[in-house]
Amino acid sequence: MYQVPSFEEFEELRKQVQELQSELAQYRAALPEWVRETEAQQLTGLSQSTLSRERKKPDTLLVWKSVGGLRYLRSSILAYNEARSIRKNRYQRLL
């Protein structure tokens, strides 16, 4: 059976969550804004050729530049992944 935490336990957990959120924000701020193609492949789980096809689509969410080598905007990769997971969930519900 589940035991309800005391107020003190709850406050301690809340404090720990806030500390972790702060730490996570610091790590995110330290990440580079633009990532190389290999890291984009890792973040999306796509092969080089699939990633290339995705960036050439007119309605793509992927923001990229080719100055100094091919780079992708990290926030666009996260948006792309989010949109892709939403599409997968909708498709699975239709089956």
C-alpha atoms as a PDB file:
ATOM      1  CA  MET A   1       0.000   0.000   0.000  1.00  0.00           C
ATOM      2  CA  TYR A   2       1.157   3.537  -0.750  1.00  0.00           C
ATOM      3  CA  GLN A   3       2.123   5.764   2.175  1.00  0.00           C
ATOM      4  CA  VAL A   4       1.457   9.492   1.878  1.00  0.00           C
ATOM      5  CA  PRO A   5       4.637  11.492   2.585  1.00  0.00           C
ATOM      6  CA  SER A   6       4.696  13.897   5.496  1.00  0.00           C
ATOM      7  CA  PHE A   7       4.827  17.626   4.850  1.00  0.00           C
ATOM      8  CA  GLU A   8       8.541  17.677   5.703  1.00  0.00           C
ATOM      9  CA  GLU A   9       9.252  14.815   3.295  1.00  0.00           C
ATOM     10  CA  PHE A  10       7.252  16.553   0.598  1.00  0.00           C
ATOM     11  CA  GLU A  11       9.134  19.820   1.120  1.00  0.00           C
ATOM     12  CA  GLU A  12      12.468  17.991   0.948  1.00  0.00           C
ATOM     13  CA  LEU A  13      11.457  16.323  -2.327  1.00  0.00           C
ATOM     14  CA  ARG A  14      10.241  19.652  -3.722  1.00  0.00           C
ATOM     15  CA  LYS A  15      13.568  21.258  -2.845  1.00  0.00           C
ATOM     16  CA  GLN A  16      15.483  18.424  -4.539  1.00  0.00           C
ATOM     17  CA  VAL A  17      13.366  18.760  -7.688  1.00  0.00           C
ATOM     18  CA  GLN A  18      14.025  22.507  -7.809  1.00  0.00           C
ATOM     19  CA  GLU A  19      17.773  21.934  -7.427  1.00  0.00           C
ATOM     20  CA  LEU A  20      17.731  19.359 -10.223  1.00  0.00           C
ATOM     21  CA  GLN A  21      15.762  21.702 -12.482  1.00  0.00           C
ATOM     22  CA  SER A  22      18.311  24.434 -11.859  1.00  0.00           C
ATOM     23  CA  GLU A  23      21.188  22.072 -12.577  1.00  0.00           C
ATOM     24  CA  LEU A  24      19.510  20.871 -15.774  1.00  0.00           C
ATOM     25  CA  ALA A  25      19.021  24.469 -16.937  1.00  0.00           C
ATOM     26  CA  GLN A  26      22.738  25.106 -16.427  1.00  0.00           C
ATOM     27  CA  TYR A  27      23.664  22.033 -18.470  1.00  0.00           C
ATOM     28  CA  ARG A  28      21.281  23.043 -21.263  1.00  0.00           C
ATOM     29  CA  ALA A  29      22.723  26.554 -21.342  1.00  0.00           C
ATOM     30  CA  ALA A  30      26.218  25.088 -21.739  1.00  0.00           C
ATOM     31  CA  LEU A  31      25.263  23.051 -24.818  1.00  0.00           C
ATOM     32  CA  PRO A  32      26.298  24.518 -28.168  1.00  0.00           C
ATOM     33  CA  GLU A  33      23.496  26.112 -30.184  1.00  0.00           C
ATOM     34  CA  TRP A  34      24.631  24.538 -33.464  1.00  0.00           C
ATOM     35  CA  VAL A  35      25.592  20.846 -33.741  1.00  0.00           C
ATOM     36  CA  ARG A  36      27.523  18.935 -36.390  1.00  0.00           C
ATOM     37  CA  GLU A  37      25.795  16.458 -38.655  1.00  0.00           C
ATOM     38  CA  THR A  38      27.031  13.405 -36.720  1.00  0.00           C
ATOM     39  CA  GLU A  39      25.522  14.729 -33.489  1.00  0.00           C
ATOM     40  CA  ALA A  40      22.297  15.598 -35.337  1.00  0.00           C
ATOM     41  CA  GLN A  41      22.184  11.990 -36.540  1.00  0.00           C
ATOM     42  CA  GLN A  42      22.578  10.755 -32.972  1.00  0.00           C
ATOM     43  CA  LEU A  43      19.926  13.124 -31.627  1.00  0.00           C
ATOM     44  CA  THR A  44      17.386  12.198 -34.306  1.00  0.00           C
ATOM     45  CA  GLY A  45      18.302   8.555 -34.758  1.00  0.00           C
ATOM     46  CA  LEU A  46      18.411   9.099 -38.526  1.00  0.00           C
ATOM     47  CA  SER A  47      21.046   7.975 -40.993  1.00  0.00           C
ATOM     48  CA  GLN A  48      23.036  10.565 -42.928  1.00  0.00           C
ATOM     49  CA  SER A  49      20.983  10.035 -46.089  1.00  0.00           C
ATOM     50  CA  THR A  50      17.636  10.225 -44.264  1.00  0.00           C
ATOM     51  CA  LEU A  51      18.723  13.356 -42.429  1.00  0.00           C
ATOM     52  CA  SER A  52      19.742  14.861 -45.767  1.00  0.00           C
ATOM     53  CA  ARG A  53      16.318  14.057 -47.272  1.00  0.00           C
ATOM     54  CA  GLU A  54      14.550  15.512 -44.232  1.00  0.00           C
ATOM     55  CA  ARG A  55      16.413  18.822 -44.417  1.00  0.00           C
ATOM     56  CA  LYS A  56      15.565  19.179 -48.131  1.00  0.00           C
ATOM     57  CA  LYS A  57      11.808  18.901 -47.542  1.00  0.00           C
ATOM     58  CA  PRO A  58      10.084  22.262 -47.992  1.00  0.00           C
ATOM     59  CA  ASP A  59       8.107  21.938 -44.739  1.00  0.00           C
ATOM     60  CA  THR A  60      10.962  20.637 -42.590  1.00  0.00           C
ATOM     61  CA  LEU A  61      11.407  21.798 -39.022  1.00  0.00           C
ATOM     62  CA  LEU A  62      15.160  21.303 -39.274  1.00  0.00           C
ATOM     63  CA  VAL A  63      17.133  24.542 -39.406  1.00  0.00           C
ATOM     64  CA  TRP A  64      20.585  24.091 -40.879  1.00  0.00           C
ATOM     65  CA  LYS A  65      23.501  25.981 -42.358  1.00  0.00           C
ATOM     66  CA  SER A  66      26.483  24.896 -44.395  1.00  0.00           C
ATOM     67  CA  VAL A  67      28.937  27.644 -43.459  1.00  0.00           C
ATOM     68  CA  GLY A  68      31.989  26.019 -41.876  1.00  0.00           C
ATOM     69  CA  GLY A  69      30.565  22.543 -42.427  1.00  0.00           C
ATOM     70  CA  LEU A  70      27.009  21.312 -42.142  1.00  0.00           C
ATOM     71  CA  ARG A  71      25.388  22.322 -38.832  1.00  0.00           C
ATOM     72  CA  TYR A  72      21.903  21.967 -37.375  1.00  0.00           C
ATOM     73  CA  LEU A  73      20.235  24.221 -34.847  1.00  0.00           C
ATOM     74  CA  ARG A  74      19.806  22.147 -31.670  1.00  0.00           C
ATOM     75  CA  SER A  75      16.371  23.603 -30.880  1.00  0.00           C
ATOM     76  CA  SER A  76      15.117  22.666 -34.355  1.00  0.00           C
ATOM     77  CA  ILE A  77      16.258  19.068 -33.814  1.00  0.00           C
ATOM     78  CA  LEU A  78      14.309  18.935 -30.557  1.00  0.00           C
ATOM     79  CA  ALA A  79      11.228  20.378 -32.310  1.00  0.00           C
ATOM     80  CA  TYR A  80      11.635  17.852 -35.134  1.00  0.00           C
ATOM     81  CA  ASN A  81      11.838  14.956 -32.671  1.00  0.00           C
ATOM     82  CA  GLU A  82       8.786  16.209 -30.783  1.00  0.00           C
ATOM     83  CA  ALA A  83       6.744  16.523 -33.976  1.00  0.00           C
ATOM     84  CA  ARG A  84       7.861  13.083 -35.100  1.00  0.00           C
ATOM     85  CA  SER A  85       6.814  11.472 -31.807  1.00  0.00           C
ATOM     86  CA  ILE A  86       3.413  13.190 -31.987  1.00  0.00           C
ATOM     87  CA  ARG A  87       2.887  11.860 -35.519  1.00  0.00           C
ATOM     88  CA  LYS A  88       3.847   8.334 -34.382  1.00  0.00           C
ATOM     89  CA  ASN A  89       1.395   8.471 -31.473  1.00  0.00           C
ATOM     90  CA  ARG A  90      -1.444   9.648 -33.721  1.00  0.00           C
ATOM     91  CA  TYR A  91      -0.704   6.926 -36.232  1.00  0.00           C
ATOM     92  CA  GLN A  92      -0.656   4.234 -33.548  1.00  0.00           C
ATOM     93  CA  ARG A  93      -4.033   5.406 -32.220  1.00  0.00           C
ATOM     94  CA  LEU A  94      -5.522   5.039 -35.701  1.00  0.00           C
ATOM     95  CA  LEU A  95      -4.519   1.374 -35.920  1.00  0.00           C
END
